[in-house]
Amino acid sequence: MGLFQAKNAFSGIFGGGQVNFPSEHEARWQTDRMKYSPDYGWLEQFEYQLLFTPDDTKIGHSRHCLIEDSALVATAYTVHSFNYWYIDAGEDRTPIPMITSDKKHIVRYFPPPLKIQGEIHAVKPYEFLGLDTYKRNTVQFHRKRINLIVPYKELMTSDYFSHDGEPLPMCLRGKKGTMSPEKVYIIRAWMYVGMPDYWDNLLDGGFRGFKTVDYYESRRPWLKEYYVYRKRL
């Protein structure tokens, strides 16, 4: 049943003139607005959602304005490995993280399967409307929940004592702080992942604008190498 059929049926039961239904133009605008956000009704039940931003929506990048009302939570790394491309088309660049099941770099000139570094933001639900439209969610990208690694260290404090273990005078007492070894915490957040049905056709066609995002070595044994999407200078 369409909107205006529903309006007529509702008016026939409860009487007309008292319910302000949207105009046809307003109804079409609302439909187009939700085109790339099919789960918006569920999202707006919450005060915020966690979003992983490994691309041009990071702080200081060109598209951060899409989530300017968000709050930075932490720096994180993907648990899963990705092939991370970007399209260089003049002034515009489109980063494309593609999830992969490969563990080794087996194809020459193809981005290696690595973790991705990015930022976790607490994002207001209404901001997903602009994000989903920009990313063409469900067409070019798929917004999905992924597991992320958040490294952290705990600050531990203890009292100062004299050499013989006796408490110090009140005027000399204080706390000393030490850092724990690095620990990791697993958290889930939304991430925009490239859809193979859309991007594989361009890759298979030899589209020359595809380039590999820069990646770096890490001393962390659980990380090794990882991608970082850098801002254009």
C-alpha atoms as a PDB file:
ATOM      1  CA  MET A   1       0.000   0.000   0.000  1.00  0.00           C
ATOM      2  CA  GLY A   2       1.356   3.401  -1.026  1.00  0.00           C
ATOM      3  CA  LEU A   3       1.481   6.477   1.177  1.00  0.00           C
ATOM      4  CA  PHE A   4      -1.563   8.134  -0.376  1.00  0.00           C
ATOM      5  CA  GLN A   5      -3.594   4.931  -0.380  1.00  0.00           C
ATOM      6  CA  ALA A   6      -2.807   4.671   3.308  1.00  0.00           C
ATOM      7  CA  LYS A   7      -3.863   8.289   3.792  1.00  0.00           C
ATOM      8  CA  ASN A   8      -7.209   7.696   2.117  1.00  0.00           C
ATOM      9  CA  ALA A   9      -7.800   4.518   4.121  1.00  0.00           C
ATOM     10  CA  PHE A  10      -6.877   6.275   7.388  1.00  0.00           C
ATOM     11  CA  SER A  11      -9.119   9.244   6.594  1.00  0.00           C
ATOM     12  CA  GLY A  12     -12.024   6.913   5.745  1.00  0.00           C
ATOM     13  CA  ILE A  13     -11.806   5.254   9.159  1.00  0.00           C
ATOM     14  CA  PHE A  14     -11.000   8.171  11.441  1.00  0.00           C
ATOM     15  CA  GLY A  15     -12.241  11.109   9.423  1.00  0.00           C
ATOM     16  CA  GLY A  16     -10.286  13.523   7.285  1.00  0.00           C
ATOM     17  CA  GLY A  17      -8.863  16.924   7.860  1.00  0.00           C
ATOM     18  CA  GLN A  18      -7.234  16.264  11.233  1.00  0.00           C
ATOM     19  CA  VAL A  19      -4.081  14.427  10.183  1.00  0.00           C
ATOM     20  CA  ASN A  20      -1.242  16.319   8.482  1.00  0.00           C
ATOM     21  CA  PHE A  21       0.185  13.852   5.995  1.00  0.00           C
ATOM     22  CA  PRO A  22       3.294  14.879   4.033  1.00  0.00           C
ATOM     23  CA  SER A  23       2.865  16.170   0.525  1.00  0.00           C
ATOM     24  CA  GLU A  24       3.934  14.033  -2.419  1.00  0.00           C
ATOM     25  CA  HIS A  25       7.105  16.128  -2.756  1.00  0.00           C
ATOM     26  CA  GLU A  26       7.919  15.752   0.956  1.00  0.00           C
ATOM     27  CA  ALA A  27       7.284  12.012   0.840  1.00  0.00           C
ATOM     28  CA  ARG A  28       9.586  11.603  -2.164  1.00  0.00           C
ATOM     29  CA  TRP A  29      12.265  13.711  -0.457  1.00  0.00           C
ATOM     30  CA  GLN A  30      12.100  11.536   2.654  1.00  0.00           C
ATOM     31  CA  THR A  31      12.321   8.380   0.540  1.00  0.00           C
ATOM     32  CA  ASP A  32      15.367   9.659  -1.354  1.00  0.00           C
ATOM     33  CA  ARG A  33      16.942  10.803   1.920  1.00  0.00           C
ATOM     34  CA  MET A  34      16.768   7.270   3.314  1.00  0.00           C
ATOM     35  CA  LYS A  35      17.827   5.580   0.066  1.00  0.00           C
ATOM     36  CA  TYR A  36      21.294   4.669   1.324  1.00  0.00           C
ATOM     37  CA  SER A  37      20.323   4.284   5.007  1.00  0.00           C
ATOM     38  CA  PRO A  38      17.843   1.380   5.166  1.00  0.00           C
ATOM     39  CA  ASP A  39      18.574   0.858   8.888  1.00  0.00           C
ATOM     40  CA  TYR A  40      18.177   4.498   9.933  1.00  0.00           C
ATOM     41  CA  GLY A  41      15.030   3.741  11.904  1.00  0.00           C
ATOM     42  CA  TRP A  42      17.100   1.425  14.089  1.00  0.00           C
ATOM     43  CA  LEU A  43      20.094   3.796  14.333  1.00  0.00           C
ATOM     44  CA  GLU A  44      18.058   6.749  15.592  1.00  0.00           C
ATOM     45  CA  GLN A  45      17.015   4.797  18.677  1.00  0.00           C
ATOM     46  CA  PHE A  46      20.488   5.413  20.098  1.00  0.00           C
ATOM     47  CA  GLU A  47      22.266   8.541  21.271  1.00  0.00           C
ATOM     48  CA  TYR A  48      25.388   7.664  19.266  1.00  0.00           C
ATOM     49  CA  GLN A  49      27.073   4.823  17.367  1.00  0.00           C
ATOM     50  CA  LEU A  50      30.777   3.984  17.154  1.00  0.00           C
ATOM     51  CA  LEU A  51      32.297   4.480  13.698  1.00  0.00           C
ATOM     52  CA  PHE A  52      35.774   3.445  12.527  1.00  0.00           C
ATOM     53  CA  THR A  53      37.222   6.063  10.179  1.00  0.00           C
ATOM     54  CA  PRO A  54      40.371   4.925   8.311  1.00  0.00           C
ATOM     55  CA  ASP A  55      39.789   7.290   5.380  1.00  0.00           C
ATOM     56  CA  ASP A  56      39.087  10.907   4.425  1.00  0.00           C
ATOM     57  CA  THR A  57      36.624  11.327   7.314  1.00  0.00           C
ATOM     58  CA  LYS A  58      39.472  11.331   9.870  1.00  0.00           C
ATOM     59  CA  ILE A  59      40.248  14.497  11.824  1.00  0.00           C
ATOM     60  CA  GLY A  60      42.000  17.027   9.600  1.00  0.00           C
ATOM     61  CA  HIS A  61      40.926  15.341   6.360  1.00  0.00           C
ATOM     62  CA  SER A  62      38.668  16.690   3.645  1.00  0.00           C
ATOM     63  CA  ARG A  63      35.471  14.843   4.625  1.00  0.00           C
ATOM     64  CA  HIS A  64      35.660  15.120   8.394  1.00  0.00           C
ATOM     65  CA  CYS A  65      32.931  17.751   8.115  1.00  0.00           C
ATOM     66  CA  LEU A  66      30.478  14.860   7.655  1.00  0.00           C
ATOM     67  CA  ILE A  67      31.043  13.867  11.301  1.00  0.00           C
ATOM     68  CA  GLU A  68      32.070  17.220  12.782  1.00  0.00           C
ATOM     69  CA  ASP A  69      29.639  16.750  15.698  1.00  0.00           C
ATOM     70  CA  SER A  70      31.269  13.433  16.650  1.00  0.00           C
ATOM     71  CA  ALA A  71      33.708  12.764  19.500  1.00  0.00           C
ATOM     72  CA  LEU A  72      37.069  11.047  19.032  1.00  0.00           C
ATOM     73  CA  VAL A  73      37.252   7.892  21.167  1.00  0.00           C
ATOM     74  CA  ALA A  74      40.561   6.193  20.318  1.00  0.00           C
ATOM     75  CA  THR A  75      43.031   5.141  17.656  1.00  0.00           C
ATOM     76  CA  ALA A  76      42.436   1.543  16.588  1.00  0.00           C
ATOM     77  CA  TYR A  77      43.456  -1.170  14.127  1.00  0.00           C
ATOM     78  CA  THR A  78      41.316  -3.683  12.287  1.00  0.00           C
ATOM     79  CA  VAL A  79      41.421  -7.283  13.476  1.00  0.00           C
ATOM     80  CA  HIS A  80      40.820  -8.530   9.947  1.00  0.00           C
ATOM     81  CA  SER A  81      43.145  -7.962   6.991  1.00  0.00           C
ATOM     82  CA  PHE A  82      42.230  -5.725   4.068  1.00  0.00           C
ATOM     83  CA  ASN A  83      43.475  -4.848   0.599  1.00  0.00           C
ATOM     84  CA  TYR A  84      43.448  -1.046   0.733  1.00  0.00           C
ATOM     85  CA  TRP A  85      43.150   0.857  -2.535  1.00  0.00           C
ATOM     86  CA  TYR A  86      42.428   4.452  -3.383  1.00  0.00           C
ATOM     87  CA  ILE A  87      41.376   6.051  -6.659  1.00  0.00           C
ATOM     88  CA  ASP A  88      43.420   9.107  -7.568  1.00  0.00           C
ATOM     89  CA  ALA A  89      41.233  11.246  -9.794  1.00  0.00           C
ATOM     90  CA  GLY A  90      42.817  14.669  -9.860  1.00  0.00           C
ATOM     91  CA  GLU A  91      41.873  16.655  -6.751  1.00  0.00           C
ATOM     92  CA  ASP A  92      39.557  13.926  -5.465  1.00  0.00           C
ATOM     93  CA  ARG A  93      40.640  10.633  -3.961  1.00  0.00           C
ATOM     94  CA  THR A  94      38.383   7.745  -2.992  1.00  0.00           C
ATOM     95  CA  PRO A  95      39.790   5.305  -0.402  1.00  0.00           C
ATOM     96  CA  ILE A  96      38.514   1.731  -0.839  1.00  0.00           C
ATOM     97  CA  PRO A  97      39.224  -0.843   1.885  1.00  0.00           C
ATOM     98  CA  MET A  98      38.403  -4.329   0.566  1.00  0.00           C
ATOM     99  CA  ILE A  99      38.134  -7.164   3.060  1.00  0.00           C
ATOM    100  CA  THR A 100      40.180 -10.228   2.135  1.00  0.00           C
ATOM    101  CA  SER A 101      40.655 -13.801   3.311  1.00  0.00           C
ATOM    102  CA  ASP A 102      44.193 -14.009   1.886  1.00  0.00           C
ATOM    103  CA  LYS A 103      47.034 -14.159   4.424  1.00  0.00           C
ATOM    104  CA  LYS A 104      49.954 -13.622   2.035  1.00  0.00           C
ATOM    105  CA  HIS A 105      50.808 -11.111  -0.655  1.00  0.00           C
ATOM    106  CA  ILE A 106      50.522 -13.354  -3.683  1.00  0.00           C
ATOM    107  CA  VAL A 107      49.542 -10.972  -6.517  1.00  0.00           C
ATOM    108  CA  ARG A 108      52.104  -8.499  -7.826  1.00  0.00           C
ATOM    109  CA  TYR A 109      50.995  -4.832  -7.863  1.00  0.00           C
ATOM    110  CA  PHE A 110      48.057  -5.785  -5.629  1.00  0.00           C
ATOM    111  CA  PRO A 111      47.762  -4.261  -2.131  1.00  0.00           C
ATOM    112  CA  PRO A 112      48.992  -6.748   0.495  1.00  0.00           C
ATOM    113  CA  PRO A 113      46.514  -8.070   3.089  1.00  0.00           C
ATOM    114  CA  LEU A 114      47.191  -5.922   6.175  1.00  0.00           C
ATOM    115  CA  LYS A 115      45.451  -4.353   9.127  1.00  0.00           C
ATOM    116  CA  ILE A 116      44.307  -0.737   8.833  1.00  0.00           C
ATOM    117  CA  GLN A 117      44.914   2.073  11.310  1.00  0.00           C
ATOM    118  CA  GLY A 118      42.116   4.545  11.873  1.00  0.00           C
ATOM    119  CA  GLU A 119      40.081   6.517  14.399  1.00  0.00           C
ATOM    120  CA  ILE A 120      37.023   5.487  16.397  1.00  0.00           C
ATOM    121  CA  HIS A 121      34.407   8.232  16.684  1.00  0.00           C
ATOM    122  CA  ALA A 122      31.155   8.410  18.624  1.00  0.00           C
ATOM    123  CA  VAL A 123      28.788   9.574  15.874  1.00  0.00           C
ATOM    124  CA  LYS A 124      25.261  10.970  16.198  1.00  0.00           C
ATOM    125  CA  PRO A 125      22.712   8.874  14.247  1.00  0.00           C
ATOM    126  CA  TYR A 126      21.629  11.730  11.965  1.00  0.00           C
ATOM    127  CA  GLU A 127      25.211  12.057  10.674  1.00  0.00           C
ATOM    128  CA  PHE A 128      24.927   8.608   9.088  1.00  0.00           C
ATOM    129  CA  LEU A 129      22.476  10.032   6.540  1.00  0.00           C
ATOM    130  CA  GLY A 130      25.211  12.197   5.021  1.00  0.00           C
ATOM    131  CA  LEU A 131      27.865   9.498   5.433  1.00  0.00           C
ATOM    132  CA  ASP A 132      25.728   6.810   3.807  1.00  0.00           C
ATOM    133  CA  THR A 133      24.940   9.092   0.880  1.00  0.00           C
ATOM    134  CA  TYR A 134      28.603  10.070   0.406  1.00  0.00           C
ATOM    135  CA  LYS A 135      29.705   6.424   0.575  1.00  0.00           C
ATOM    136  CA  ARG A 136      26.750   5.193  -1.516  1.00  0.00           C
ATOM    137  CA  ASN A 137      26.027   2.636   1.192  1.00  0.00           C
ATOM    138  CA  THR A 138      24.632  -0.679  -0.181  1.00  0.00           C
ATOM    139  CA  VAL A 139      25.879   0.248  -3.687  1.00  0.00           C
ATOM    140  CA  GLN A 140      29.607   1.119  -3.600  1.00  0.00           C
ATOM    141  CA  PHE A 141      30.263   0.444   0.079  1.00  0.00           C
ATOM    142  CA  HIS A 142      28.688  -1.653   2.787  1.00  0.00           C
ATOM    143  CA  ARG A 143      28.489  -0.238   6.295  1.00  0.00           C
ATOM    144  CA  LYS A 144      29.120  -3.206   8.538  1.00  0.00           C
ATOM    145  CA  ARG A 145      30.243  -3.979  12.080  1.00  0.00           C
ATOM    146  CA  ILE A 146      33.867  -5.051  12.410  1.00  0.00           C
ATOM    147  CA  ASN A 147      36.178  -5.978  15.278  1.00  0.00           C
ATOM    148  CA  LEU A 148      38.888  -3.474  16.169  1.00  0.00           C
ATOM    149  CA  ILE A 149      42.039  -3.618  18.305  1.00  0.00           C
ATOM    150  CA  VAL A 150      42.514  -0.723  20.732  1.00  0.00           C
ATOM    151  CA  PRO A 151      46.005  -0.702  22.325  1.00  0.00           C
ATOM    152  CA  TYR A 152      46.360   0.942  25.728  1.00  0.00           C
ATOM    153  CA  LYS A 153      48.510   1.105  28.850  1.00  0.00           C
ATOM    154  CA  GLU A 154      47.342   1.340  32.444  1.00  0.00           C
ATOM    155  CA  LEU A 155      48.732   3.972  34.808  1.00  0.00           C
ATOM    156  CA  MET A 156      49.532   2.383  38.176  1.00  0.00           C
ATOM    157  CA  THR A 157      50.291   4.512  41.228  1.00  0.00           C
ATOM    158  CA  SER A 158      51.862   3.724  44.593  1.00  0.00           C
ATOM    159  CA  ASP A 159      53.128   5.656  47.618  1.00  0.00           C
ATOM    160  CA  TYR A 160      56.724   6.766  48.044  1.00  0.00           C
ATOM    161  CA  PHE A 161      58.589   5.179  50.974  1.00  0.00           C
ATOM    162  CA  SER A 162      61.984   5.722  52.582  1.00  0.00           C
ATOM    163  CA  HIS A 163      64.919   3.401  51.828  1.00  0.00           C
ATOM    164  CA  ASP A 164      64.070   1.292  54.867  1.00  0.00           C
ATOM    165  CA  GLY A 165      60.415   0.997  53.858  1.00  0.00           C
ATOM    166  CA  GLU A 166      59.073   3.490  56.380  1.00  0.00           C
ATOM    167  CA  PRO A 167      56.414   6.078  55.448  1.00  0.00           C
ATOM    168  CA  LEU A 168      57.801   9.517  54.586  1.00  0.00           C
ATOM    169  CA  PRO A 169      56.930  12.666  56.534  1.00  0.00           C
ATOM    170  CA  MET A 170      53.633  14.238  55.499  1.00  0.00           C
ATOM    171  CA  CYS A 171      55.384  17.067  53.651  1.00  0.00           C
ATOM    172  CA  LEU A 172      57.268  14.564  51.429  1.00  0.00           C
ATOM    173  CA  ARG A 173      54.508  12.075  50.729  1.00  0.00           C
ATOM    174  CA  GLY A 174      53.223  11.624  47.224  1.00  0.00           C
ATOM    175  CA  LYS A 175      52.379   9.173  44.489  1.00  0.00           C
ATOM    176  CA  LYS A 176      54.669   7.663  41.898  1.00  0.00           C
ATOM    177  CA  GLY A 177      53.280   6.438  38.620  1.00  0.00           C
ATOM    178  CA  THR A 178      54.369   3.577  36.405  1.00  0.00           C
ATOM    179  CA  MET A 179      52.974   2.386  33.089  1.00  0.00           C
ATOM    180  CA  SER A 180      51.904  -1.193  32.555  1.00  0.00           C
ATOM    181  CA  PRO A 181      53.011  -3.194  29.510  1.00  0.00           C
ATOM    182  CA  GLU A 182      50.835  -2.527  26.488  1.00  0.00           C
ATOM    183  CA  LYS A 183      47.478  -4.280  26.493  1.00  0.00           C
ATOM    184  CA  VAL A 184      44.796  -4.551  23.823  1.00  0.00           C
ATOM    185  CA  TYR A 185      41.026  -4.345  23.943  1.00  0.00           C
ATOM    186  CA  ILE A 186      38.645  -5.588  21.250  1.00  0.00           C
ATOM    187  CA  ILE A 187      35.760  -3.298  20.361  1.00  0.00           C
ATOM    188  CA  ARG A 188      33.146  -3.345  17.589  1.00  0.00           C
ATOM    189  CA  ALA A 189      32.270  -0.380  15.402  1.00  0.00           C
ATOM    190  CA  TRP A 190      30.796   0.442  12.002  1.00  0.00           C
ATOM    191  CA  MET A 191      33.112   0.645   9.013  1.00  0.00           C
ATOM    192  CA  TYR A 192      32.489   1.342   5.319  1.00  0.00           C
ATOM    193  CA  VAL A 193      33.907  -1.607   3.361  1.00  0.00           C
ATOM    194  CA  GLY A 194      34.140  -1.685  -0.427  1.00  0.00           C
ATOM    195  CA  MET A 195      31.589  -3.926  -2.145  1.00  0.00           C
ATOM    196  CA  PRO A 196      33.255  -6.447  -4.507  1.00  0.00           C
ATOM    197  CA  ASP A 197      30.228  -6.491  -6.825  1.00  0.00           C
ATOM    198  CA  TYR A 198      30.881  -2.827  -7.606  1.00  0.00           C
ATOM    199  CA  TRP A 199      34.667  -2.383  -7.391  1.00  0.00           C
ATOM    200  CA  ASP A 200      35.835  -5.733  -8.798  1.00  0.00           C
ATOM    201  CA  ASN A 201      34.412  -4.772 -12.188  1.00  0.00           C
ATOM    202  CA  LEU A 202      36.645  -1.699 -12.278  1.00  0.00           C
ATOM    203  CA  LEU A 203      39.666  -3.648 -11.058  1.00  0.00           C
ATOM    204  CA  ASP A 204      39.103  -6.371 -13.610  1.00  0.00           C
ATOM    205  CA  GLY A 205      38.824  -3.724 -16.301  1.00  0.00           C
ATOM    206  CA  GLY A 206      42.319  -2.448 -15.529  1.00  0.00           C
ATOM    207  CA  PHE A 207      41.176   0.975 -14.354  1.00  0.00           C
ATOM    208  CA  ARG A 208      44.470   2.848 -13.965  1.00  0.00           C
ATOM    209  CA  GLY A 209      43.361   5.211 -11.218  1.00  0.00           C
ATOM    210  CA  PHE A 210      43.687   2.510  -8.546  1.00  0.00           C
ATOM    211  CA  LYS A 211      46.703   2.863  -6.250  1.00  0.00           C
ATOM    212  CA  THR A 212      47.805   1.214  -2.999  1.00  0.00           C
ATOM    213  CA  VAL A 213      47.444   3.137   0.264  1.00  0.00           C
ATOM    214  CA  ASP A 214      50.765   3.660   2.088  1.00  0.00           C
ATOM    215  CA  TYR A 215      51.692   1.039   4.659  1.00  0.00           C
ATOM    216  CA  TYR A 216      54.295   0.971   7.414  1.00  0.00           C
ATOM    217  CA  GLU A 217      56.164  -1.422   9.667  1.00  0.00           C
ATOM    218  CA  SER A 218      55.434  -1.665  13.385  1.00  0.00           C
ATOM    219  CA  ARG A 219      57.468  -3.024  16.288  1.00  0.00           C
ATOM    220  CA  ARG A 220      54.320  -4.432  17.818  1.00  0.00           C
ATOM    221  CA  PRO A 221      54.389  -8.210  17.303  1.00  0.00           C
ATOM    222  CA  TRP A 222      50.610  -8.396  16.839  1.00  0.00           C
ATOM    223  CA  LEU A 223      50.619  -5.649  14.207  1.00  0.00           C
ATOM    224  CA  LYS A 224      53.769  -5.951  12.034  1.00  0.00           C
ATOM    225  CA  GLU A 225      52.647  -3.948   8.956  1.00  0.00           C
ATOM    226  CA  TYR A 226      49.565  -1.757   8.638  1.00  0.00           C
ATOM    227  CA  TYR A 227      47.903   0.754   6.313  1.00  0.00           C
ATOM    228  CA  VAL A 228      47.556   4.471   7.092  1.00  0.00           C
ATOM    229  CA  TYR A 229      45.546   6.727   4.790  1.00  0.00           C
ATOM    230  CA  ARG A 230      47.453  10.020   4.635  1.00  0.00           C
ATOM    231  CA  LYS A 231      46.073  13.457   3.865  1.00  0.00           C
ATOM    232  CA  ARG A 232      47.108  14.909   0.523  1.00  0.00           C
ATOM    233  CA  LEU A 233      49.775  17.559   1.038  1.00  0.00           C
END
